[in-house]
Amino acid sequence: MINKKLNMNLTFNNYITEYIKKTRDIEYKHNGAFKSEIFILYALHKLFNCNLFIESGLDNGVSTETLLSLIDCEYLGIDLNENCFASKIDKLNFKFYSGDSTKIIQDHILNNQDSKISIFIDGPKNLQAIELKNKLLKIGRAHV
C-alpha cells in the first residue's frame, strides 16, 4: 500500500509544475471550484490518459477556463443555463451544450466507445449528482 501511495504522489508531482505555471494568473471566484480540486481533476485526467473531458455544471466558467488552459483534448461543457458565462467560451477544443446532463453525457459515452472519458460533475449538486454518477456508472467504462 505504501508503494502505491508513493507512486501516486510521484505521478502527481509530475504535473504540479505545469499546473502552477499555466494557472498562475487565474483568480478564484466565489462559489467556483478550488484550485486544489482542479489540480486533482487535471492530474487524474493526465494519469488515465483520457482523450475526452466532460464537465457538467459550468456556471461562471472558472473551472472550465482553468481546465481548458490545461487540457488539450476535446472538452464538452454542459449547463442548464444556455446563457451561462461558459457558453461564450470560444476555443477550438470546447463544445458547449445546454440541457439535461444525464442524457447528453450518456449519448457521448455511447457514441465514443473507444474514448477514455474524464467526467467532472460540478452540477447538479448533492443527491442529484450522486444519481447522475450512478446512472453513468451503469453505462459502464465511466470512472466518475
Foldseek 3Di string as FASTA:
>chain_A
DVVVVVVLVVLLVVCPVVLCVQCVPQDDDPPDDDSVVLSVLLSVCVVVVFQEEEEEAQAQNSSVVSVVSRDDHAYEYEYQDCPGNNVPDDDPRYDYDHDDPLVVVLVVCVVCVPTQYHYHYPDDDDPVSVVSVVSVCVSPNHDD
